[in-house]
Amino acid sequence: MTWVTVLLVPEDDPKRKKVLEACRYCQANDPTFQYQPNEGIKIFSRNKNQAYKRGMYFHKKFGVYFEVYYKA
């Protein structure tokens, strides 16, 4: 059971570099934090609550929008 937070940051957005740096920092300091930089940056979480909290963190810190969905 995996929940995915997709950060909607286009490739040409100047914020993308800072968001990816924050993702690398989170991954280095939190063993449960895993992400995948695609068109949108995908962050994998164990539950819905954690997925929304991670999305809100990036929204508040960088002003990016996000979507959360369940991946079986």
PDB file of N, CA and C in Angstrom:
ATOM      1  N   MET A   1       0.839  -1.176   0.000  1.00  0.00           N
ATOM      2  CA  MET A   1       0.000   0.000   0.000  1.00  0.00           C
ATOM      3  C   MET A   1       0.883   1.239   0.000  1.00  0.00           C
ATOM      4  N   THR A   2       0.779   2.037  -1.061  1.00  0.00           N
ATOM      5  CA  THR A   2       1.607   3.225  -1.197  1.00  0.00           C
ATOM      6  C   THR A   2       0.753   4.412  -1.610  1.00  0.00           C
ATOM      7  N   TRP A   3       1.009   5.530  -0.992  1.00  0.00           N
ATOM      8  CA  TRP A   3       0.378   6.785  -1.366  1.00  0.00           C
ATOM      9  C   TRP A   3       1.427   7.632  -2.059  1.00  0.00           C
ATOM     10  N   VAL A   4       1.023   8.332  -3.096  1.00  0.00           N
ATOM     11  CA  VAL A   4       1.951   9.132  -3.885  1.00  0.00           C
ATOM     12  C   VAL A   4       1.508  10.588  -3.862  1.00  0.00           C
ATOM     13  N   THR A   5       2.448  11.457  -3.532  1.00  0.00           N
ATOM     14  CA  THR A   5       2.245  12.897  -3.625  1.00  0.00           C
ATOM     15  C   THR A   5       2.984  13.360  -4.869  1.00  0.00           C
ATOM     16  N   VAL A   6       2.285  13.997  -5.776  1.00  0.00           N
ATOM     17  CA  VAL A   6       2.918  14.521  -6.988  1.00  0.00           C
ATOM     18  C   VAL A   6       3.010  16.033  -6.864  1.00  0.00           C
ATOM     19  N   LEU A   7       4.239  16.524  -6.810  1.00  0.00           N
ATOM     20  CA  LEU A   7       4.472  17.966  -6.780  1.00  0.00           C
ATOM     21  C   LEU A   7       4.444  18.467  -8.214  1.00  0.00           C
ATOM     22  N   LEU A   8       3.573  19.395  -8.501  1.00  0.00           N
ATOM     23  CA  LEU A   8       3.377  19.884  -9.862  1.00  0.00           C
ATOM     24  C   LEU A   8       4.342  21.041 -10.131  1.00  0.00           C
ATOM     25  N   VAL A   9       5.568  20.672 -10.488  1.00  0.00           N
ATOM     26  CA  VAL A   9       6.614  21.653 -10.758  1.00  0.00           C
ATOM     27  C   VAL A   9       7.143  21.382 -12.165  1.00  0.00           C
ATOM     28  N   PRO A  10       6.845  22.238 -13.141  1.00  0.00           N
ATOM     29  CA  PRO A  10       7.327  22.022 -14.503  1.00  0.00           C
ATOM     30  C   PRO A  10       8.857  22.033 -14.583  1.00  0.00           C
ATOM     31  N   GLU A  11       9.370  21.396 -15.623  1.00  0.00           N
ATOM     32  CA  GLU A  11      10.827  21.304 -15.818  1.00  0.00           C
ATOM     33  C   GLU A  11      11.490  22.686 -15.892  1.00  0.00           C
ATOM     34  N   ASP A  12      10.811  23.654 -16.474  1.00  0.00           N
ATOM     35  CA  ASP A  12      11.417  24.967 -16.676  1.00  0.00           C
ATOM     36  C   ASP A  12      11.166  25.950 -15.529  1.00  0.00           C
ATOM     37  N   ASP A  13      10.508  25.504 -14.483  1.00  0.00           N
ATOM     38  CA  ASP A  13      10.221  26.370 -13.330  1.00  0.00           C
ATOM     39  C   ASP A  13      11.486  26.555 -12.500  1.00  0.00           C
ATOM     40  N   PRO A  14      11.867  27.803 -12.192  1.00  0.00           N
ATOM     41  CA  PRO A  14      13.085  28.029 -11.401  1.00  0.00           C
ATOM     42  C   PRO A  14      13.015  27.436  -9.986  1.00  0.00           C
ATOM     43  N   LYS A  15      11.800  27.208  -9.468  1.00  0.00           N
ATOM     44  CA  LYS A  15      11.656  26.614  -8.132  1.00  0.00           C
ATOM     45  C   LYS A  15      12.056  25.139  -8.113  1.00  0.00           C
ATOM     46  N   ARG A  16      12.039  24.484  -9.265  1.00  0.00           N
ATOM     47  CA  ARG A  16      12.262  23.041  -9.336  1.00  0.00           C
ATOM     48  C   ARG A  16      13.607  22.638  -8.711  1.00  0.00           C
ATOM     49  N   LYS A  17      14.648  23.406  -8.969  1.00  0.00           N
ATOM     50  CA  LYS A  17      15.974  23.081  -8.428  1.00  0.00           C
ATOM     51  C   LYS A  17      15.955  23.095  -6.900  1.00  0.00           C
ATOM     52  N   LYS A  18      15.313  24.101  -6.309  1.00  0.00           N
ATOM     53  CA  LYS A  18      15.251  24.187  -4.848  1.00  0.00           C
ATOM     54  C   LYS A  18      14.383  23.077  -4.261  1.00  0.00           C
ATOM     55  N   VAL A  19      13.306  22.740  -4.948  1.00  0.00           N
ATOM     56  CA  VAL A  19      12.443  21.648  -4.484  1.00  0.00           C
ATOM     57  C   VAL A  19      13.212  20.329  -4.508  1.00  0.00           C
ATOM     58  N   LEU A  20      13.972  20.082  -5.573  1.00  0.00           N
ATOM     59  CA  LEU A  20      14.761  18.847  -5.657  1.00  0.00           C
ATOM     60  C   LEU A  20      15.855  18.810  -4.589  1.00  0.00           C
ATOM     61  N   GLU A  21      16.452  19.944  -4.288  1.00  0.00           N
ATOM     62  CA  GLU A  21      17.448  20.002  -3.206  1.00  0.00           C
ATOM     63  C   GLU A  21      16.803  19.640  -1.875  1.00  0.00           C
ATOM     64  N   ALA A  22      15.597  20.155  -1.635  1.00  0.00           N
ATOM     65  CA  ALA A  22      14.879  19.829  -0.400  1.00  0.00           C
ATOM     66  C   ALA A  22      14.538  18.346  -0.352  1.00  0.00           C
ATOM     67  N   CYS A  23      14.168  17.762  -1.486  1.00  0.00           N
ATOM     68  CA  CYS A  23      13.877  16.320  -1.539  1.00  0.00           C
ATOM     69  C   CYS A  23      15.120  15.498  -1.209  1.00  0.00           C
ATOM     70  N   ARG A  24      16.255  15.891  -1.763  1.00  0.00           N
ATOM     71  CA  ARG A  24      17.507  15.174  -1.468  1.00  0.00           C
ATOM     72  C   ARG A  24      17.847  15.280   0.020  1.00  0.00           C
ATOM     73  N   TYR A  25      17.658  16.453   0.597  1.00  0.00           N
ATOM     74  CA  TYR A  25      17.912  16.650   2.021  1.00  0.00           C
ATOM     75  C   TYR A  25      16.991  15.764   2.863  1.00  0.00           C
ATOM     76  N   CYS A  26      15.706  15.753   2.525  1.00  0.00           N
ATOM     77  CA  CYS A  26      14.740  14.927   3.271  1.00  0.00           C
ATOM     78  C   CYS A  26      15.090  13.451   3.163  1.00  0.00           C
ATOM     79  N   GLN A  27      15.475  13.015   1.978  1.00  0.00           N
ATOM     80  CA  GLN A  27      15.818  11.609   1.776  1.00  0.00           C
ATOM     81  C   GLN A  27      17.072  11.230   2.574  1.00  0.00           C
ATOM     82  N   ALA A  28      18.020  12.137   2.679  1.00  0.00           N
ATOM     83  CA  ALA A  28      19.247  11.862   3.425  1.00  0.00           C
ATOM     84  C   ALA A  28      18.991  11.770   4.924  1.00  0.00           C
ATOM     85  N   ASN A  29      17.969  12.485   5.413  1.00  0.00           N
ATOM     86  CA  ASN A  29      17.718  12.541   6.850  1.00  0.00           C
ATOM     87  C   ASN A  29      16.528  11.718   7.324  1.00  0.00           C
ATOM     88  N   ASP A  30      15.727  11.214   6.409  1.00  0.00           N
ATOM     89  CA  ASP A  30      14.543  10.427   6.760  1.00  0.00           C
ATOM     90  C   ASP A  30      14.506   9.171   5.900  1.00  0.00           C
ATOM     91  N   PRO A  31      14.741   8.014   6.491  1.00  0.00           N
ATOM     92  CA  PRO A  31      14.784   6.774   5.696  1.00  0.00           C
ATOM     93  C   PRO A  31      13.446   6.419   5.040  1.00  0.00           C
ATOM     94  N   THR A  32      12.329   6.989   5.497  1.00  0.00           N
ATOM     95  CA  THR A  32      11.033   6.685   4.892  1.00  0.00           C
ATOM     96  C   THR A  32      10.721   7.601   3.706  1.00  0.00           C
ATOM     97  N   PHE A  33      11.535   8.619   3.484  1.00  0.00           N
ATOM     98  CA  PHE A  33      11.280   9.577   2.407  1.00  0.00           C
ATOM     99  C   PHE A  33      11.943   9.090   1.128  1.00  0.00           C
ATOM    100  N   GLN A  34      11.114   8.793   0.134  1.00  0.00           N
ATOM    101  CA  GLN A  34      11.627   8.399  -1.187  1.00  0.00           C
ATOM    102  C   GLN A  34      10.902   9.213  -2.235  1.00  0.00           C
ATOM    103  N   TYR A  35      11.640   9.644  -3.242  1.00  0.00           N
ATOM    104  CA  TYR A  35      11.037  10.448  -4.294  1.00  0.00           C
ATOM    105  C   TYR A  35      11.586  10.035  -5.652  1.00  0.00           C
ATOM    106  N   GLN A  36      10.894  10.502  -6.687  1.00  0.00           N
ATOM    107  CA  GLN A  36      11.278  10.187  -8.054  1.00  0.00           C
ATOM    108  C   GLN A  36      11.021  11.432  -8.905  1.00  0.00           C
ATOM    109  N   PRO A  37      12.073  12.054  -9.429  1.00  0.00           N
ATOM    110  CA  PRO A  37      11.854  13.259 -10.239  1.00  0.00           C
ATOM    111  C   PRO A  37      11.457  12.898 -11.669  1.00  0.00           C
ATOM    112  N   ASN A  38      10.191  13.083 -11.985  1.00  0.00           N
ATOM    113  CA  ASN A  38       9.684  12.895 -13.342  1.00  0.00           C
ATOM    114  C   ASN A  38       9.179  14.246 -13.819  1.00  0.00           C
ATOM    115  N   GLU A  39       8.125  14.248 -14.642  1.00  0.00           N
ATOM    116  CA  GLU A  39       7.522  15.520 -15.044  1.00  0.00           C
ATOM    117  C   GLU A  39       7.069  16.268 -13.798  1.00  0.00           C
ATOM    118  N   GLY A  40       6.360  15.573 -12.931  1.00  0.00           N
ATOM    119  CA  GLY A  40       6.055  16.059 -11.598  1.00  0.00           C
ATOM    120  C   GLY A  40       6.940  15.270 -10.648  1.00  0.00           C
ATOM    121  N   ILE A  41       7.270  15.807  -9.529  1.00  0.00           N
ATOM    122  CA  ILE A  41       8.131  15.097  -8.583  1.00  0.00           C
ATOM    123  C   ILE A  41       7.240  14.209  -7.726  1.00  0.00           C
ATOM    124  N   LYS A  42       7.465  12.892  -7.768  1.00  0.00           N
ATOM    125  CA  LYS A  42       6.646  11.942  -7.017  1.00  0.00           C
ATOM    126  C   LYS A  42       7.321  11.625  -5.687  1.00  0.00           C
ATOM    127  N   ILE A  43       6.551  11.740  -4.607  1.00  0.00           N
ATOM    128  CA  ILE A  43       7.024  11.399  -3.267  1.00  0.00           C
ATOM    129  C   ILE A  43       6.156  10.257  -2.761  1.00  0.00           C
ATOM    130  N   PHE A  44       6.788   9.196  -2.289  1.00  0.00           N
ATOM    131  CA  PHE A  44       6.071   8.004  -1.847  1.00  0.00           C
ATOM    132  C   PHE A  44       5.918   7.994  -0.332  1.00  0.00           C
ATOM    133  N   SER A  45       4.713   7.654   0.128  1.00  0.00           N
ATOM    134  CA  SER A  45       4.408   7.650   1.562  1.00  0.00           C
ATOM    135  C   SER A  45       3.674   6.372   1.936  1.00  0.00           C
ATOM    136  N   ARG A  46       3.683   6.059   3.226  1.00  0.00           N
ATOM    137  CA  ARG A  46       3.027   4.840   3.720  1.00  0.00           C
ATOM    138  C   ARG A  46       1.535   4.998   3.921  1.00  0.00           C
ATOM    139  N   ASN A  47       1.085   6.235   4.202  1.00  0.00           N
ATOM    140  CA  ASN A  47      -0.342   6.430   4.436  1.00  0.00           C
ATOM    141  C   ASN A  47      -0.786   7.784   3.897  1.00  0.00           C
ATOM    142  N   LYS A  48      -2.095   7.961   3.834  1.00  0.00           N
ATOM    143  CA  LYS A  48      -2.693   9.160   3.260  1.00  0.00           C
ATOM    144  C   LYS A  48      -2.312  10.415   4.039  1.00  0.00           C
ATOM    145  N   ASN A  49      -2.332  10.329   5.355  1.00  0.00           N
ATOM    146  CA  ASN A  49      -2.014  11.473   6.198  1.00  0.00           C
ATOM    147  C   ASN A  49      -0.591  11.972   5.935  1.00  0.00           C
ATOM    148  N   GLN A  50       0.349  11.045   5.892  1.00  0.00           N
ATOM    149  CA  GLN A  50       1.742  11.410   5.642  1.00  0.00           C
ATOM    150  C   GLN A  50       1.893  12.028   4.246  1.00  0.00           C
ATOM    151  N   ALA A  51       1.192  11.487   3.267  1.00  0.00           N
ATOM    152  CA  ALA A  51       1.263  12.004   1.901  1.00  0.00           C
ATOM    153  C   ALA A  51       0.780  13.449   1.840  1.00  0.00           C
ATOM    154  N   TYR A  52      -0.342  13.746   2.510  1.00  0.00           N
ATOM    155  CA  TYR A  52      -0.854  15.117   2.516  1.00  0.00           C
ATOM    156  C   TYR A  52       0.061  16.064   3.292  1.00  0.00           C
ATOM    157  N   LYS A  53       0.613  15.602   4.395  1.00  0.00           N
ATOM    158  CA  LYS A  53       1.521  16.455   5.174  1.00  0.00           C
ATOM    159  C   LYS A  53       2.766  16.814   4.367  1.00  0.00           C
ATOM    160  N   ARG A  54       3.286  15.839   3.630  1.00  0.00           N
ATOM    161  CA  ARG A  54       4.464  16.114   2.801  1.00  0.00           C
ATOM    162  C   ARG A  54       4.119  17.095   1.682  1.00  0.00           C
ATOM    163  N   GLY A  55       2.968  16.928   1.078  1.00  0.00           N
ATOM    164  CA  GLY A  55       2.541  17.853   0.038  1.00  0.00           C
ATOM    165  C   GLY A  55       2.358  19.264   0.579  1.00  0.00           C
ATOM    166  N   MET A  56       1.743  19.382   1.751  1.00  0.00           N
ATOM    167  CA  MET A  56       1.531  20.694   2.355  1.00  0.00           C
ATOM    168  C   MET A  56       2.853  21.353   2.744  1.00  0.00           C
ATOM    169  N   TYR A  57       3.819  20.557   3.172  1.00  0.00           N
ATOM    170  CA  TYR A  57       5.138  21.111   3.501  1.00  0.00           C
ATOM    171  C   TYR A  57       5.729  21.817   2.273  1.00  0.00           C
ATOM    172  N   PHE A  58       5.714  21.132   1.138  1.00  0.00           N
ATOM    173  CA  PHE A  58       6.290  21.720  -0.074  1.00  0.00           C
ATOM    174  C   PHE A  58       5.436  22.879  -0.592  1.00  0.00           C
ATOM    175  N   HIS A  59       4.132  22.808  -0.401  1.00  0.00           N
ATOM    176  CA  HIS A  59       3.264  23.906  -0.823  1.00  0.00           C
ATOM    177  C   HIS A  59       3.544  25.164   0.009  1.00  0.00           C
ATOM    178  N   LYS A  60       3.672  24.997   1.315  1.00  0.00           N
ATOM    179  CA  LYS A  60       3.929  26.150   2.190  1.00  0.00           C
ATOM    180  C   LYS A  60       5.333  26.708   2.004  1.00  0.00           C
ATOM    181  N   LYS A  61       6.306  25.832   1.824  1.00  0.00           N
ATOM    182  CA  LYS A  61       7.695  26.267   1.722  1.00  0.00           C
ATOM    183  C   LYS A  61       8.027  26.871   0.347  1.00  0.00           C
ATOM    184  N   PHE A  62       7.504  26.276  -0.730  1.00  0.00           N
ATOM    185  CA  PHE A  62       7.879  26.690  -2.080  1.00  0.00           C
ATOM    186  C   PHE A  62       6.718  27.222  -2.928  1.00  0.00           C
ATOM    187  N   GLY A  63       5.490  27.097  -2.434  1.00  0.00           N
ATOM    188  CA  GLY A  63       4.347  27.583  -3.196  1.00  0.00           C
ATOM    189  C   GLY A  63       3.953  26.701  -4.366  1.00  0.00           C
ATOM    190  N   VAL A  64       4.371  25.447  -4.350  1.00  0.00           N
ATOM    191  CA  VAL A  64       4.014  24.532  -5.442  1.00  0.00           C
ATOM    192  C   VAL A  64       2.722  23.796  -5.098  1.00  0.00           C
ATOM    193  N   TYR A  65       1.997  23.421  -6.114  1.00  0.00           N
ATOM    194  CA  TYR A  65       0.764  22.665  -5.915  1.00  0.00           C
ATOM    195  C   TYR A  65       1.059  21.173  -5.987  1.00  0.00           C
ATOM    196  N   PHE A  66       0.130  20.380  -5.457  1.00  0.00           N
ATOM    197  CA  PHE A  66       0.355  18.940  -5.408  1.00  0.00           C
ATOM    198  C   PHE A  66      -0.952  18.177  -5.535  1.00  0.00           C
ATOM    199  N   GLU A  67      -0.813  16.904  -5.874  1.00  0.00           N
ATOM    200  CA  GLU A  67      -1.925  15.964  -5.920  1.00  0.00           C
ATOM    201  C   GLU A  67      -1.518  14.738  -5.121  1.00  0.00           C
ATOM    202  N   VAL A  68      -2.486  14.078  -4.509  1.00  0.00           N
ATOM    203  CA  VAL A  68      -2.220  12.859  -3.759  1.00  0.00           C
ATOM    204  C   VAL A  68      -3.118  11.763  -4.315  1.00  0.00           C
ATOM    205  N   TYR A  69      -2.529  10.594  -4.550  1.00  0.00           N
ATOM    206  CA  TYR A  69      -3.338   9.456  -4.988  1.00  0.00           C
ATOM    207  C   TYR A  69      -2.782   8.162  -4.420  1.00  0.00           C
ATOM    208  N   TYR A  70      -3.619   7.141  -4.461  1.00  0.00           N
ATOM    209  CA  TYR A  70      -3.280   5.818  -3.926  1.00  0.00           C
ATOM    210  C   TYR A  70      -2.767   4.943  -5.048  1.00  0.00           C
ATOM    211  N   LYS A  71      -1.683   4.241  -4.783  1.00  0.00           N
ATOM    212  CA  LYS A  71      -1.107   3.323  -5.767  1.00  0.00           C
ATOM    213  C   LYS A  71      -1.052   1.945  -5.127  1.00  0.00           C
ATOM    214  N   ALA A  72      -1.797   1.012  -5.659  1.00  0.00           N
ATOM    215  CA  ALA A  72      -1.866  -0.349  -5.092  1.00  0.00           C
ATOM    216  C   ALA A  72      -0.612  -1.133  -5.382  1.00  0.00           C
TER     217      ALA A  72
END
